[in-house]
Amino acid sequence: MVFISRQAKLDLDNIVIGLLEWDKISLTIPEVMQYVDDIVDICYQLHTLHYHHKATYNEHVTYGAYSYLYKRTRNTIWYIIYDIDAMDNIFVNKIISNYMTRS
């Protein structure tokens, strides 16, 4: 089962706001909502992965033991940071972009 934390939900809300206010391109509300829905769909599919990639960036390890890389565009990557408990439940703790990740 997959659970999305309050922080990750706030991250999703902030993605919506950021995309709606982005000066670089103009997206409609349905386009923005689909963008975020795509990220949420990936979160709910994490339990089907055969391999879970350990978080490597210091910033990511702060939020969880594992990270999933979702390449949205040529320039934009979203990292879904999560933990797995002993019952194989997945807890999504943070969603962060490559623009916010420091190597």
N, C-alpha and C. Protein backbone atom coordinates (compact mmCIF):
# COMPACT_ATOMS: atom_id res chain seq x y z
N MET A 1 0.84 -1.17 0.00
CA MET A 1 0.00 0.00 0.00
C MET A 1 0.90 1.24 0.00
N VAL A 2 0.41 2.30 -0.61
CA VAL A 2 1.17 3.54 -0.68
C VAL A 2 0.43 4.63 0.10
N PHE A 3 1.18 5.35 0.91
CA PHE A 3 0.64 6.47 1.68
C PHE A 3 1.42 7.72 1.29
N ILE A 4 0.71 8.82 1.15
CA ILE A 4 1.36 10.08 0.80
C ILE A 4 1.29 11.00 2.01
N SER A 5 2.44 11.46 2.45
CA SER A 5 2.52 12.29 3.66
C SER A 5 1.94 13.68 3.43
N ARG A 6 1.69 14.36 4.52
CA ARG A 6 1.21 15.74 4.47
C ARG A 6 2.22 16.62 3.74
N GLN A 7 3.51 16.40 3.99
CA GLN A 7 4.54 17.19 3.32
C GLN A 7 4.50 16.97 1.80
N ALA A 8 4.36 15.73 1.38
CA ALA A 8 4.31 15.45 -0.06
C ALA A 8 3.06 16.07 -0.68
N LYS A 9 1.96 16.08 0.05
CA LYS A 9 0.74 16.73 -0.45
C LYS A 9 0.96 18.23 -0.59
N LEU A 10 1.67 18.82 0.36
CA LEU A 10 2.01 20.25 0.25
C LEU A 10 2.92 20.49 -0.95
N ASP A 11 3.86 19.56 -1.17
CA ASP A 11 4.73 19.68 -2.34
C ASP A 11 3.91 19.67 -3.62
N LEU A 12 2.92 18.80 -3.71
CA LEU A 12 2.06 18.74 -4.89
C LEU A 12 1.27 20.03 -5.06
N ASP A 13 0.76 20.58 -3.96
CA ASP A 13 0.06 21.86 -4.02
C ASP A 13 0.99 22.96 -4.52
N ASN A 14 2.22 22.94 -4.05
CA ASN A 14 3.18 23.96 -4.48
C ASN A 14 3.56 23.80 -5.95
N ILE A 15 3.55 22.57 -6.44
CA ILE A 15 3.81 22.34 -7.86
C ILE A 15 2.68 22.97 -8.68
N VAL A 16 1.44 22.79 -8.24
CA VAL A 16 0.31 23.39 -8.93
C VAL A 16 0.47 24.91 -8.99
N ILE A 17 0.74 25.51 -7.85
CA ILE A 17 0.89 26.97 -7.79
C ILE A 17 2.04 27.42 -8.68
N GLY A 18 3.17 26.72 -8.57
CA GLY A 18 4.34 27.09 -9.37
C GLY A 18 4.07 27.01 -10.87
N LEU A 19 3.38 25.97 -11.30
CA LEU A 19 3.09 25.82 -12.73
C LEU A 19 2.09 26.88 -13.21
N LEU A 20 1.12 27.22 -12.38
CA LEU A 20 0.15 28.24 -12.76
C LEU A 20 0.76 29.63 -12.83
N GLU A 21 1.78 29.88 -12.01
CA GLU A 21 2.40 31.20 -11.96
C GLU A 21 3.68 31.30 -12.79
N TRP A 22 4.04 30.23 -13.47
CA TRP A 22 5.29 30.18 -14.21
C TRP A 22 5.25 31.13 -15.41
N ASP A 23 6.20 32.04 -15.48
CA ASP A 23 6.25 33.02 -16.56
C ASP A 23 6.81 32.45 -17.86
N LYS A 24 7.57 31.39 -17.77
CA LYS A 24 8.24 30.82 -18.94
C LYS A 24 7.25 30.29 -19.97
N ILE A 25 6.22 29.59 -19.50
CA ILE A 25 5.16 29.10 -20.38
C ILE A 25 3.82 29.26 -19.69
N SER A 26 2.78 29.21 -20.47
CA SER A 26 1.44 29.34 -19.93
C SER A 26 0.73 27.99 -20.05
N LEU A 27 0.29 27.47 -18.92
CA LEU A 27 -0.44 26.21 -18.90
C LEU A 27 -1.86 26.47 -18.42
N THR A 28 -2.80 25.74 -18.98
CA THR A 28 -4.18 25.86 -18.52
C THR A 28 -4.33 25.09 -17.20
N ILE A 29 -5.40 25.36 -16.51
CA ILE A 29 -5.66 24.65 -15.25
C ILE A 29 -5.77 23.14 -15.50
N PRO A 30 -6.50 22.69 -16.53
CA PRO A 30 -6.54 21.24 -16.77
C PRO A 30 -5.16 20.65 -17.07
N GLU A 31 -4.30 21.37 -17.78
CA GLU A 31 -2.95 20.87 -18.07
C GLU A 31 -2.12 20.75 -16.80
N VAL A 32 -2.24 21.74 -15.93
CA VAL A 32 -1.52 21.71 -14.66
C VAL A 32 -2.01 20.56 -13.79
N MET A 33 -3.32 20.38 -13.72
CA MET A 33 -3.87 19.31 -12.90
C MET A 33 -3.47 17.95 -13.44
N GLN A 34 -3.41 17.79 -14.76
CA GLN A 34 -2.98 16.52 -15.35
C GLN A 34 -1.51 16.26 -15.03
N TYR A 35 -0.70 17.32 -15.08
CA TYR A 35 0.73 17.23 -14.75
C TYR A 35 0.90 16.66 -13.34
N VAL A 36 0.18 17.23 -12.39
CA VAL A 36 0.28 16.78 -11.00
C VAL A 36 -0.34 15.40 -10.83
N ASP A 37 -1.44 15.14 -11.52
CA ASP A 37 -2.05 13.81 -11.45
C ASP A 37 -1.09 12.73 -11.95
N ASP A 38 -0.28 13.06 -12.95
CA ASP A 38 0.71 12.11 -13.45
C ASP A 38 1.73 11.77 -12.37
N ILE A 39 2.14 12.77 -11.60
CA ILE A 39 3.08 12.54 -10.50
C ILE A 39 2.43 11.67 -9.42
N VAL A 40 1.19 11.98 -9.10
CA VAL A 40 0.46 11.19 -8.09
C VAL A 40 0.30 9.75 -8.55
N ASP A 41 -0.02 9.55 -9.82
CA ASP A 41 -0.16 8.20 -10.36
C ASP A 41 1.13 7.40 -10.17
N ILE A 42 2.25 8.04 -10.39
CA ILE A 42 3.54 7.36 -10.21
C ILE A 42 3.73 7.00 -8.74
N CYS A 43 3.36 7.90 -7.85
CA CYS A 43 3.47 7.59 -6.42
C CYS A 43 2.71 6.32 -6.08
N TYR A 44 1.51 6.19 -6.61
CA TYR A 44 0.68 5.04 -6.28
C TYR A 44 1.10 3.76 -7.01
N GLN A 45 2.07 3.87 -7.89
CA GLN A 45 2.61 2.69 -8.57
C GLN A 45 3.95 2.23 -7.98
N LEU A 46 4.47 2.96 -7.01
CA LEU A 46 5.77 2.62 -6.44
C LEU A 46 5.80 1.21 -5.86
N HIS A 47 4.70 0.74 -5.32
CA HIS A 47 4.66 -0.60 -4.72
C HIS A 47 4.83 -1.71 -5.75
N THR A 48 4.70 -1.40 -7.03
CA THR A 48 4.84 -2.42 -8.07
C THR A 48 6.28 -2.56 -8.58
N LEU A 49 7.16 -1.69 -8.12
CA LEU A 49 8.55 -1.75 -8.58
C LEU A 49 9.24 -3.02 -8.07
N HIS A 50 10.09 -3.58 -8.90
CA HIS A 50 10.87 -4.76 -8.49
C HIS A 50 12.14 -4.34 -7.77
N TYR A 51 12.58 -3.11 -8.03
CA TYR A 51 13.80 -2.60 -7.40
C TYR A 51 13.53 -1.19 -6.91
N HIS A 52 13.99 -0.90 -5.71
CA HIS A 52 13.85 0.44 -5.14
C HIS A 52 15.24 1.05 -5.03
N HIS A 53 15.42 2.17 -5.70
CA HIS A 53 16.71 2.85 -5.75
C HIS A 53 16.96 3.60 -4.45
N LYS A 54 18.08 3.32 -3.83
CA LYS A 54 18.45 4.03 -2.60
C LYS A 54 18.65 5.51 -2.89
N ALA A 55 18.20 6.36 -2.00
CA ALA A 55 18.42 7.80 -2.13
C ALA A 55 19.91 8.06 -1.99
N THR A 56 20.44 8.92 -2.85
CA THR A 56 21.87 9.18 -2.82
C THR A 56 22.20 10.63 -2.49
N TYR A 57 21.40 11.57 -2.95
CA TYR A 57 21.68 12.98 -2.64
C TYR A 57 21.42 13.24 -1.17
N ASN A 58 22.29 14.03 -0.55
CA ASN A 58 22.14 14.35 0.88
C ASN A 58 20.76 14.90 1.19
N GLU A 59 20.28 15.77 0.33
CA GLU A 59 18.97 16.38 0.53
C GLU A 59 17.85 15.33 0.50
N HIS A 60 18.00 14.33 -0.33
CA HIS A 60 16.99 13.29 -0.44
C HIS A 60 17.02 12.36 0.76
N VAL A 61 18.21 11.98 1.20
CA VAL A 61 18.36 11.07 2.34
C VAL A 61 17.70 11.66 3.59
N THR A 62 17.66 12.97 3.67
CA THR A 62 17.00 13.64 4.79
C THR A 62 15.52 13.26 4.86
N TYR A 63 14.92 13.00 3.71
CA TYR A 63 13.47 12.74 3.66
C TYR A 63 13.10 11.27 3.53
N GLY A 64 14.04 10.43 3.14
CA GLY A 64 13.70 9.02 3.01
C GLY A 64 14.86 8.19 2.49
N ALA A 65 14.70 6.89 2.58
CA ALA A 65 15.77 5.96 2.19
C ALA A 65 15.81 5.69 0.69
N TYR A 66 14.69 5.94 0.00
CA TYR A 66 14.60 5.59 -1.42
C TYR A 66 14.13 6.80 -2.23
N SER A 67 14.52 6.80 -3.51
CA SER A 67 14.04 7.85 -4.40
C SER A 67 13.70 7.25 -5.75
N TYR A 68 12.65 7.80 -6.33
CA TYR A 68 12.24 7.41 -7.67
C TYR A 68 12.40 8.62 -8.57
N LEU A 69 13.07 8.43 -9.67
CA LEU A 69 13.32 9.51 -10.61
C LEU A 69 12.26 9.48 -11.70
N TYR A 70 11.49 10.56 -11.81
CA TYR A 70 10.47 10.69 -12.84
C TYR A 70 10.90 11.81 -13.78
N LYS A 71 11.32 11.42 -14.97
CA LYS A 71 11.78 12.40 -15.95
C LYS A 71 10.56 12.91 -16.72
N ARG A 72 10.14 14.11 -16.40
CA ARG A 72 8.93 14.68 -17.00
C ARG A 72 9.22 15.27 -18.38
N THR A 73 10.30 16.01 -18.48
CA THR A 73 10.69 16.61 -19.76
C THR A 73 12.20 16.47 -19.89
N ARG A 74 12.72 16.99 -20.98
CA ARG A 74 14.16 16.94 -21.20
C ARG A 74 14.91 17.65 -20.07
N ASN A 75 14.30 18.67 -19.49
CA ASN A 75 14.96 19.47 -18.47
C ASN A 75 14.46 19.25 -17.05
N THR A 76 13.31 18.65 -16.91
CA THR A 76 12.70 18.55 -15.58
C THR A 76 12.61 17.10 -15.11
N ILE A 77 13.17 16.88 -13.94
CA ILE A 77 13.11 15.58 -13.28
C ILE A 77 12.49 15.79 -11.90
N TRP A 78 11.56 14.94 -11.56
CA TRP A 78 10.97 14.95 -10.23
C TRP A 78 11.49 13.75 -9.46
N TYR A 79 11.90 13.98 -8.23
CA TYR A 79 12.34 12.91 -7.35
C TYR A 79 11.25 12.68 -6.31
N ILE A 80 10.79 11.47 -6.25
CA ILE A 80 9.80 11.08 -5.25
C ILE A 80 10.58 10.33 -4.17
N ILE A 81 10.64 10.92 -2.99
CA ILE A 81 11.44 10.37 -1.89
C ILE A 81 10.50 9.62 -0.94
N TYR A 82 10.89 8.40 -0.60
CA TYR A 82 9.98 7.57 0.19
C TYR A 82 10.73 6.58 1.08
N ASP A 83 9.98 5.99 1.99
CA ASP A 83 10.45 4.93 2.86
C ASP A 83 9.56 3.71 2.67
N ILE A 84 10.07 2.56 3.07
CA ILE A 84 9.31 1.31 3.03
C ILE A 84 9.39 0.69 4.42
N ASP A 85 8.24 0.31 4.96
CA ASP A 85 8.26 -0.31 6.29
C ASP A 85 8.36 -1.83 6.18
N ALA A 86 8.35 -2.51 7.31
CA ALA A 86 8.52 -3.97 7.35
C ALA A 86 7.38 -4.72 6.67
N MET A 87 6.24 -4.07 6.50
CA MET A 87 5.09 -4.70 5.85
C MET A 87 5.03 -4.35 4.35
N ASP A 88 6.11 -3.74 3.84
CA ASP A 88 6.21 -3.29 2.45
C ASP A 88 5.26 -2.16 2.09
N ASN A 89 4.79 -1.43 3.10
CA ASN A 89 4.02 -0.22 2.83
C ASN A 89 5.00 0.88 2.42
N ILE A 90 4.59 1.69 1.49
CA ILE A 90 5.44 2.78 1.01
C ILE A 90 4.87 4.10 1.53
N PHE A 91 5.77 4.92 2.07
CA PHE A 91 5.40 6.22 2.60
C PHE A 91 6.13 7.29 1.80
N VAL A 92 5.40 7.99 0.94
CA VAL A 92 5.99 9.08 0.15
C VAL A 92 6.13 10.27 1.07
N ASN A 93 7.38 10.72 1.24
CA ASN A 93 7.67 11.79 2.20
C ASN A 93 7.90 13.15 1.56
N LYS A 94 8.41 13.16 0.34
CA LYS A 94 8.81 14.43 -0.28
C LYS A 94 8.83 14.27 -1.79
N ILE A 95 8.45 15.32 -2.48
CA ILE A 95 8.55 15.37 -3.94
C ILE A 95 9.32 16.64 -4.27
N ILE A 96 10.45 16.46 -4.94
CA ILE A 96 11.36 17.58 -5.17
C ILE A 96 11.89 17.51 -6.60
N SER A 97 12.11 18.66 -7.20
CA SER A 97 12.59 18.69 -8.59
C SER A 97 14.11 18.72 -8.64
N ASN A 98 14.63 18.46 -9.82
CA ASN A 98 16.07 18.56 -10.02
C ASN A 98 16.56 19.99 -9.83
N TYR A 99 15.69 20.97 -9.99
CA TYR A 99 16.08 22.36 -9.79
C TYR A 99 16.31 22.67 -8.31
N MET A 100 15.71 21.88 -7.43
CA MET A 100 15.86 22.08 -5.99
C MET A 100 16.86 21.11 -5.36
N THR A 101 17.39 20.20 -6.16
CA THR A 101 18.32 19.19 -5.65
C THR A 101 19.75 19.63 -5.94
N ARG A 102 20.56 19.62 -4.92
CA ARG A 102 21.98 19.94 -5.08
C ARG A 102 22.78 18.66 -5.00
N SER A 103 23.67 18.47 -5.97
CA SER A 103 24.46 17.24 -5.96
C SER A 103 25.67 17.35 -5.05
